[in-house]
Amino acid sequence: MGRSFESVRMGVKEVSSRWLKASRALRKDDQIYGQMVAQMAKKHSSEAFYALDDPLEAAVFSVLVEMMKRRAEEDKLQKDKTA
């Protein structure tokens, strides 16, 4: 018997694929950012699988975690430059 419902990981993969496809509709100089968001969506899908049951929520959670990590890295670099 096959699965009758989609796993969160599979759902995040689908969401990410749709976001990647949608990024092609962006202006040429914005396409890279759409691609980055699509990649970020998949980055934590395995971890989110344990706590979240909605693929879109898991994808957004993953993107937000990655954005916060990048922001923290930028803040650290800025702090190191001023020190």
PDB file of N, CA and C in Angstrom:
ATOM      1  N   MET A   1       0.831  -1.186   0.000  1.00  0.00           N
ATOM      2  CA  MET A   1       0.000   0.000   0.000  1.00  0.00           C
ATOM      3  C   MET A   1       0.873   1.245   0.000  1.00  0.00           C
ATOM      4  N   GLY A   2       0.469   2.211  -0.776  1.00  0.00           N
ATOM      5  CA  GLY A   2       1.227   3.450  -0.858  1.00  0.00           C
ATOM      6  C   GLY A   2       0.761   4.462   0.168  1.00  0.00           C
ATOM      7  N   ARG A   3       1.507   5.485   0.254  1.00  0.00           N
ATOM      8  CA  ARG A   3       1.186   6.585   1.152  1.00  0.00           C
ATOM      9  C   ARG A   3      -0.048   7.320   0.651  1.00  0.00           C
ATOM     10  N   SER A   4      -0.963   7.621   1.528  1.00  0.00           N
ATOM     11  CA  SER A   4      -2.162   8.345   1.102  1.00  0.00           C
ATOM     12  C   SER A   4      -2.044   9.843   1.388  1.00  0.00           C
ATOM     13  N   PHE A   5      -0.956  10.233   2.027  1.00  0.00           N
ATOM     14  CA  PHE A   5      -0.732  11.656   2.287  1.00  0.00           C
ATOM     15  C   PHE A   5       0.733  11.978   2.051  1.00  0.00           C
ATOM     16  N   GLU A   6       0.975  13.230   1.785  1.00  0.00           N
ATOM     17  CA  GLU A   6       2.325  13.683   1.471  1.00  0.00           C
ATOM     18  C   GLU A   6       3.069  14.031   2.757  1.00  0.00           C
ATOM     19  N   SER A   7       4.333  13.640   2.840  1.00  0.00           N
ATOM     20  CA  SER A   7       5.127  14.006   4.008  1.00  0.00           C
ATOM     21  C   SER A   7       5.483  15.485   3.934  1.00  0.00           C
ATOM     22  N   VAL A   8       5.860  16.033   5.065  1.00  0.00           N
ATOM     23  CA  VAL A   8       6.252  17.438   5.109  1.00  0.00           C
ATOM     24  C   VAL A   8       7.460  17.664   4.218  1.00  0.00           C
ATOM     25  N   ARG A   9       8.414  16.750   4.263  1.00  0.00           N
ATOM     26  CA  ARG A   9       9.613  16.895   3.422  1.00  0.00           C
ATOM     27  C   ARG A   9       9.258  16.932   1.940  1.00  0.00           C
ATOM     28  N   MET A  10       8.375  16.047   1.527  1.00  0.00           N
ATOM     29  CA  MET A  10       7.961  16.034   0.121  1.00  0.00           C
ATOM     30  C   MET A  10       7.204  17.317  -0.219  1.00  0.00           C
ATOM     31  N   GLY A  11       6.391  17.777   0.714  1.00  0.00           N
ATOM     32  CA  GLY A  11       5.651  19.009   0.503  1.00  0.00           C
ATOM     33  C   GLY A  11       6.559  20.218   0.383  1.00  0.00           C
ATOM     34  N   VAL A  12       7.578  20.273   1.230  1.00  0.00           N
ATOM     35  CA  VAL A  12       8.542  21.378   1.168  1.00  0.00           C
ATOM     36  C   VAL A  12       9.280  21.331  -0.161  1.00  0.00           C
ATOM     37  N   LYS A  13       9.606  20.146  -0.625  1.00  0.00           N
ATOM     38  CA  LYS A  13      10.284  20.018  -1.916  1.00  0.00           C
ATOM     39  C   LYS A  13       9.394  20.568  -3.035  1.00  0.00           C
ATOM     40  N   GLU A  14       8.105  20.277  -2.972  1.00  0.00           N
ATOM     41  CA  GLU A  14       7.171  20.803  -3.974  1.00  0.00           C
ATOM     42  C   GLU A  14       7.058  22.320  -3.888  1.00  0.00           C
ATOM     43  N   VAL A  15       6.933  22.840  -2.672  1.00  0.00           N
ATOM     44  CA  VAL A  15       6.853  24.292  -2.480  1.00  0.00           C
ATOM     45  C   VAL A  15       8.115  24.947  -3.032  1.00  0.00           C
ATOM     46  N   SER A  16       9.250  24.393  -2.692  1.00  0.00           N
ATOM     47  CA  SER A  16      10.525  24.932  -3.161  1.00  0.00           C
ATOM     48  C   SER A  16      10.603  24.915  -4.694  1.00  0.00           C
ATOM     49  N   SER A  17      10.143  23.852  -5.291  1.00  0.00           N
ATOM     50  CA  SER A  17      10.146  23.765  -6.757  1.00  0.00           C
ATOM     51  C   SER A  17       9.245  24.831  -7.372  1.00  0.00           C
ATOM     52  N   ARG A  18       8.075  25.049  -6.769  1.00  0.00           N
ATOM     53  CA  ARG A  18       7.179  26.097  -7.270  1.00  0.00           C
ATOM     54  C   ARG A  18       7.809  27.471  -7.102  1.00  0.00           C
ATOM     55  N   TRP A  19       8.477  27.706  -5.960  1.00  0.00           N
ATOM     56  CA  TRP A  19       9.129  28.998  -5.732  1.00  0.00           C
ATOM     57  C   TRP A  19      10.271  29.200  -6.725  1.00  0.00           C
ATOM     58  N   LEU A  20      10.988  28.132  -7.031  1.00  0.00           N
ATOM     59  CA  LEU A  20      12.072  28.223  -8.007  1.00  0.00           C
ATOM     60  C   LEU A  20      11.511  28.580  -9.384  1.00  0.00           C
ATOM     61  N   LYS A  21      10.417  27.941  -9.745  1.00  0.00           N
ATOM     62  CA  LYS A  21       9.765  28.237 -11.018  1.00  0.00           C
ATOM     63  C   LYS A  21       9.259  29.679 -11.039  1.00  0.00           C
ATOM     64  N   ALA A  22       8.679  30.125  -9.940  1.00  0.00           N
ATOM     65  CA  ALA A  22       8.162  31.493  -9.851  1.00  0.00           C
ATOM     66  C   ALA A  22       9.286  32.515  -9.931  1.00  0.00           C
ATOM     67  N   SER A  23      10.469  32.148  -9.460  1.00  0.00           N
ATOM     68  CA  SER A  23      11.588  33.092  -9.490  1.00  0.00           C
ATOM     69  C   SER A  23      11.998  33.426 -10.917  1.00  0.00           C
ATOM     70  N   ARG A  24      11.696  32.550 -11.851  1.00  0.00           N
ATOM     71  CA  ARG A  24      12.014  32.818 -13.257  1.00  0.00           C
ATOM     72  C   ARG A  24      11.175  33.969 -13.812  1.00  0.00           C
ATOM     73  N   ALA A  25      10.044  34.249 -13.190  1.00  0.00           N
ATOM     74  CA  ALA A  25       9.176  35.339 -13.644  1.00  0.00           C
ATOM     75  C   ALA A  25       9.637  36.691 -13.100  1.00  0.00           C
ATOM     76  N   LEU A  26      10.565  36.670 -12.164  1.00  0.00           N
ATOM     77  CA  LEU A  26      11.076  37.918 -11.599  1.00  0.00           C
ATOM     78  C   LEU A  26      11.989  38.613 -12.589  1.00  0.00           C
ATOM     79  N   ARG A  27      12.251  39.892 -12.326  1.00  0.00           N
ATOM     80  CA  ARG A  27      13.229  40.609 -13.150  1.00  0.00           C
ATOM     81  C   ARG A  27      14.559  39.878 -13.068  1.00  0.00           C
ATOM     82  N   LYS A  28      15.348  40.018 -14.100  1.00  0.00           N
ATOM     83  CA  LYS A  28      16.614  39.277 -14.207  1.00  0.00           C
ATOM     84  C   LYS A  28      17.497  39.453 -12.964  1.00  0.00           C
ATOM     85  N   ASP A  29      17.619  40.684 -12.471  1.00  0.00           N
ATOM     86  CA  ASP A  29      18.498  40.905 -11.319  1.00  0.00           C
ATOM     87  C   ASP A  29      17.880  40.436  -9.997  1.00  0.00           C
ATOM     88  N   ASP A  30      16.591  40.119  -9.968  1.00  0.00           N
ATOM     89  CA  ASP A  30      15.941  39.597  -8.760  1.00  0.00           C
ATOM     90  C   ASP A  30      15.852  38.073  -8.755  1.00  0.00           C
ATOM     91  N   GLN A  31      16.087  37.457  -9.891  1.00  0.00           N
ATOM     92  CA  GLN A  31      15.944  36.000  -9.989  1.00  0.00           C
ATOM     93  C   GLN A  31      16.862  35.260  -9.022  1.00  0.00           C
ATOM     94  N   ILE A  32      18.064  35.756  -8.811  1.00  0.00           N
ATOM     95  CA  ILE A  32      19.000  35.098  -7.899  1.00  0.00           C
ATOM     96  C   ILE A  32      18.436  35.032  -6.479  1.00  0.00           C
ATOM     97  N   TYR A  33      17.703  36.075  -6.081  1.00  0.00           N
ATOM     98  CA  TYR A  33      17.123  36.086  -4.742  1.00  0.00           C
ATOM     99  C   TYR A  33      15.970  35.086  -4.631  1.00  0.00           C
ATOM    100  N   GLY A  34      15.196  34.967  -5.674  1.00  0.00           N
ATOM    101  CA  GLY A  34      14.137  33.952  -5.691  1.00  0.00           C
ATOM    102  C   GLY A  34      14.716  32.558  -5.596  1.00  0.00           C
ATOM    103  N   GLN A  35      15.819  32.339  -6.305  1.00  0.00           N
ATOM    104  CA  GLN A  35      16.485  31.034  -6.253  1.00  0.00           C
ATOM    105  C   GLN A  35      17.046  30.757  -4.861  1.00  0.00           C
ATOM    106  N   MET A  36      17.587  31.788  -4.238  1.00  0.00           N
ATOM    107  CA  MET A  36      18.132  31.621  -2.883  1.00  0.00           C
ATOM    108  C   MET A  36      17.030  31.269  -1.892  1.00  0.00           C
ATOM    109  N   VAL A  37      15.881  31.921  -2.012  1.00  0.00           N
ATOM    110  CA  VAL A  37      14.751  31.634  -1.117  1.00  0.00           C
ATOM    111  C   VAL A  37      14.297  30.187  -1.315  1.00  0.00           C
ATOM    112  N   ALA A  38      14.212  29.741  -2.565  1.00  0.00           N
ATOM    113  CA  ALA A  38      13.802  28.363  -2.840  1.00  0.00           C
ATOM    114  C   ALA A  38      14.781  27.371  -2.214  1.00  0.00           C
ATOM    115  N   GLN A  39      16.084  27.676  -2.285  1.00  0.00           N
ATOM    116  CA  GLN A  39      17.084  26.793  -1.677  1.00  0.00           C
ATOM    117  C   GLN A  39      16.977  26.810  -0.153  1.00  0.00           C
ATOM    118  N   MET A  40      16.764  27.999   0.407  1.00  0.00           N
ATOM    119  CA  MET A  40      16.633  28.119   1.863  1.00  0.00           C
ATOM    120  C   MET A  40      15.448  27.314   2.375  1.00  0.00           C
ATOM    121  N   ALA A  41      14.393  27.254   1.596  1.00  0.00           N
ATOM    122  CA  ALA A  41      13.175  26.551   2.023  1.00  0.00           C
ATOM    123  C   ALA A  41      13.449  25.090   2.326  1.00  0.00           C
ATOM    124  N   LYS A  42      14.348  24.487   1.577  1.00  0.00           N
ATOM    125  CA  LYS A  42      14.634  23.063   1.759  1.00  0.00           C
ATOM    126  C   LYS A  42      15.652  22.780   2.850  1.00  0.00           C
ATOM    127  N   LYS A  43      16.367  23.790   3.266  1.00  0.00           N
ATOM    128  CA  LYS A  43      17.514  23.587   4.146  1.00  0.00           C
ATOM    129  C   LYS A  43      17.170  22.924   5.493  1.00  0.00           C
ATOM    130  N   HIS A  44      16.040  23.254   6.074  1.00  0.00           N
ATOM    131  CA  HIS A  44      15.680  22.719   7.398  1.00  0.00           C
ATOM    132  C   HIS A  44      14.414  21.875   7.364  1.00  0.00           C
ATOM    133  N   SER A  45      14.063  21.372   6.203  1.00  0.00           N
ATOM    134  CA  SER A  45      12.813  20.612   6.106  1.00  0.00           C
ATOM    135  C   SER A  45      12.851  19.340   6.950  1.00  0.00           C
ATOM    136  N   SER A  46      14.011  18.725   7.096  1.00  0.00           N
ATOM    137  CA  SER A  46      14.097  17.513   7.922  1.00  0.00           C
ATOM    138  C   SER A  46      13.833  17.818   9.389  1.00  0.00           C
ATOM    139  N   GLU A  47      14.400  18.924   9.879  1.00  0.00           N
ATOM    140  CA  GLU A  47      14.181  19.299  11.276  1.00  0.00           C
ATOM    141  C   GLU A  47      12.735  19.726  11.500  1.00  0.00           C
ATOM    142  N   ALA A  48      12.194  20.499  10.567  1.00  0.00           N
ATOM    143  CA  ALA A  48      10.829  20.994  10.702  1.00  0.00           C
ATOM    144  C   ALA A  48       9.820  19.856  10.633  1.00  0.00           C
ATOM    145  N   PHE A  49      10.206  18.754  10.011  1.00  0.00           N
ATOM    146  CA  PHE A  49       9.341  17.585   9.885  1.00  0.00           C
ATOM    147  C   PHE A  49       8.833  17.111  11.249  1.00  0.00           C
ATOM    148  N   TYR A  50       9.654  17.235  12.264  1.00  0.00           N
ATOM    149  CA  TYR A  50       9.287  16.736  13.592  1.00  0.00           C
ATOM    150  C   TYR A  50       8.276  17.627  14.306  1.00  0.00           C
ATOM    151  N   ALA A  51       8.278  18.912  14.015  1.00  0.00           N
ATOM    152  CA  ALA A  51       7.436  19.839  14.773  1.00  0.00           C
ATOM    153  C   ALA A  51       6.268  20.410  13.979  1.00  0.00           C
ATOM    154  N   LEU A  52       6.360  20.399  12.672  1.00  0.00           N
ATOM    155  CA  LEU A  52       5.343  21.044  11.847  1.00  0.00           C
ATOM    156  C   LEU A  52       4.709  20.036  10.905  1.00  0.00           C
ATOM    157  N   ASP A  53       3.419  20.191  10.666  1.00  0.00           N
ATOM    158  CA  ASP A  53       2.760  19.266   9.747  1.00  0.00           C
ATOM    159  C   ASP A  53       2.277  19.941   8.469  1.00  0.00           C
ATOM    160  N   ASP A  54       2.588  21.220   8.308  1.00  0.00           N
ATOM    161  CA  ASP A  54       2.209  21.963   7.115  1.00  0.00           C
ATOM    162  C   ASP A  54       3.465  22.279   6.304  1.00  0.00           C
ATOM    163  N   PRO A  55       3.561  21.785   5.073  1.00  0.00           N
ATOM    164  CA  PRO A  55       4.766  22.021   4.266  1.00  0.00           C
ATOM    165  C   PRO A  55       5.080  23.500   4.048  1.00  0.00           C
ATOM    166  N   LEU A  56       4.066  24.321   3.841  1.00  0.00           N
ATOM    167  CA  LEU A  56       4.313  25.743   3.634  1.00  0.00           C
ATOM    168  C   LEU A  56       4.875  26.377   4.901  1.00  0.00           C
ATOM    169  N   GLU A  57       4.323  26.010   6.045  1.00  0.00           N
ATOM    170  CA  GLU A  57       4.832  26.529   7.317  1.00  0.00           C
ATOM    171  C   GLU A  57       6.286  26.094   7.517  1.00  0.00           C
ATOM    172  N   ALA A  58       6.597  24.850   7.183  1.00  0.00           N
ATOM    173  CA  ALA A  58       7.966  24.346   7.319  1.00  0.00           C
ATOM    174  C   ALA A  58       8.914  25.100   6.383  1.00  0.00           C
ATOM    175  N   ALA A  59       8.461  25.380   5.160  1.00  0.00           N
ATOM    176  CA  ALA A  59       9.298  26.100   4.200  1.00  0.00           C
ATOM    177  C   ALA A  59       9.561  27.524   4.677  1.00  0.00           C
ATOM    178  N   VAL A  60       8.530  28.207   5.134  1.00  0.00           N
ATOM    179  CA  VAL A  60       8.692  29.581   5.614  1.00  0.00           C
ATOM    180  C   VAL A  60       9.574  29.603   6.859  1.00  0.00           C
ATOM    181  N   PHE A  61       9.374  28.660   7.756  1.00  0.00           N
ATOM    182  CA  PHE A  61      10.206  28.559   8.953  1.00  0.00           C
ATOM    183  C   PHE A  61      11.679  28.406   8.567  1.00  0.00           C
ATOM    184  N   SER A  62      11.945  27.537   7.614  1.00  0.00           N
ATOM    185  CA  SER A  62      13.314  27.304   7.164  1.00  0.00           C
ATOM    186  C   SER A  62      13.929  28.567   6.581  1.00  0.00           C
ATOM    187  N   VAL A  63      13.176  29.280   5.741  1.00  0.00           N
ATOM    188  CA  VAL A  63      13.678  30.516   5.148  1.00  0.00           C
ATOM    189  C   VAL A  63      13.965  31.545   6.233  1.00  0.00           C
ATOM    190  N   LEU A  64      13.080  31.683   7.198  1.00  0.00           N
ATOM    191  CA  LEU A  64      13.289  32.653   8.273  1.00  0.00           C
ATOM    192  C   LEU A  64      14.523  32.317   9.109  1.00  0.00           C
ATOM    193  N   VAL A  65      14.738  31.042   9.395  1.00  0.00           N
ATOM    194  CA  VAL A  65      15.931  30.636  10.150  1.00  0.00           C
ATOM    195  C   VAL A  65      17.188  31.017   9.374  1.00  0.00           C
ATOM    196  N   GLU A  66      17.208  30.739   8.081  1.00  0.00           N
ATOM    197  CA  GLU A  66      18.372  31.069   7.262  1.00  0.00           C
ATOM    198  C   GLU A  66      18.592  32.578   7.181  1.00  0.00           C
ATOM    199  N   MET A  67      17.514  33.338   7.084  1.00  0.00           N
ATOM    200  CA  MET A  67      17.646  34.798   7.038  1.00  0.00           C
ATOM    201  C   MET A  67      18.209  35.332   8.351  1.00  0.00           C
ATOM    202  N   MET A  68      17.750  34.780   9.457  1.00  0.00           N
ATOM    203  CA  MET A  68      18.255  35.215  10.760  1.00  0.00           C
ATOM    204  C   MET A  68      19.733  34.857  10.918  1.00  0.00           C
ATOM    205  N   LYS A  69      20.131  33.677  10.446  1.00  0.00           N
ATOM    206  CA  LYS A  69      21.529  33.287  10.513  1.00  0.00           C
ATOM    207  C   LYS A  69      22.398  34.238   9.700  1.00  0.00           C
ATOM    208  N   ARG A  70      21.940  34.589   8.509  1.00  0.00           N
ATOM    209  CA  ARG A  70      22.713  35.515   7.672  1.00  0.00           C
ATOM    210  C   ARG A  70      22.795  36.892   8.307  1.00  0.00           C
ATOM    211  N   ARG A  71      21.708  37.320   8.905  1.00  0.00           N
ATOM    212  CA  ARG A  71      21.698  38.622   9.574  1.00  0.00           C
ATOM    213  C   ARG A  71      22.691  38.625  10.737  1.00  0.00           C
ATOM    214  N   ALA A  72      22.703  37.548  11.513  1.00  0.00           N
ATOM    215  CA  ALA A  72      23.633  37.450  12.636  1.00  0.00           C
ATOM    216  C   ALA A  72      25.088  37.459  12.144  1.00  0.00           C
ATOM    217  N   GLU A  73      25.344  36.776  11.029  1.00  0.00           N
ATOM    218  CA  GLU A  73      26.701  36.768  10.463  1.00  0.00           C
ATOM    219  C   GLU A  73      27.101  38.171  10.010  1.00  0.00           C
ATOM    220  N   GLU A  74      26.170  38.890   9.370  1.00  0.00           N
ATOM    221  CA  GLU A  74      26.454  40.258   8.925  1.00  0.00           C
ATOM    222  C   GLU A  74      26.704  41.176  10.116  1.00  0.00           C
ATOM    223  N   ASP A  75      25.897  41.029  11.156  1.00  0.00           N
ATOM    224  CA  ASP A  75      26.078  41.847  12.360  1.00  0.00           C
ATOM    225  C   ASP A  75      27.441  41.578  12.991  1.00  0.00           C
ATOM    226  N   LYS A  76      27.838  40.306  13.022  1.00  0.00           N
ATOM    227  CA  LYS A  76      29.136  39.953  13.601  1.00  0.00           C
ATOM    228  C   LYS A  76      30.268  40.561  12.778  1.00  0.00           C
ATOM    229  N   LEU A  77      30.168  40.467  11.455  1.00  0.00           N
ATOM    230  CA  LEU A  77      31.196  41.069  10.592  1.00  0.00           C
ATOM    231  C   LEU A  77      31.267  42.567  10.787  1.00  0.00           C
ATOM    232  N   GLN A  78      30.123  43.205  10.889  1.00  0.00           N
ATOM    233  CA  GLN A  78      30.086  44.656  11.098  1.00  0.00           C
ATOM    234  C   GLN A  78      30.711  45.024  12.444  1.00  0.00           C
ATOM    235  N   LYS A  79      30.397  44.225  13.459  1.00  0.00           N
ATOM    236  CA  LYS A  79      30.942  44.463  14.788  1.00  0.00           C
ATOM    237  C   LYS A  79      32.450  44.282  14.799  1.00  0.00           C
ATOM    238  N   ASP A  80      32.931  43.258  14.088  1.00  0.00           N
ATOM    239  CA  ASP A  80      34.371  43.003  14.003  1.00  0.00           C
ATOM    240  C   ASP A  80      35.095  44.139  13.277  1.00  0.00           C
ATOM    241  N   LYS A  81      34.459  44.749  12.288  1.00  0.00           N
ATOM    242  CA  LYS A  81      35.073  45.855  11.560  1.00  0.00           C
ATOM    243  C   LYS A  81      35.218  47.101  12.428  1.00  0.00           C
ATOM    244  N   THR A  82      34.247  47.324  13.304  1.00  0.00           N
ATOM    245  CA  THR A  82      34.275  48.507  14.141  1.00  0.00           C
ATOM    246  C   THR A  82      35.122  48.318  15.389  1.00  0.00           C
ATOM    247  N   ALA A  83      35.464  47.082  15.704  1.00  0.00           N
ATOM    248  CA  ALA A  83      36.246  46.822  16.923  1.00  0.00           C
ATOM    249  C   ALA A  83      37.717  47.034  16.716  1.00  0.00           C
TER     250      ALA A  83
END
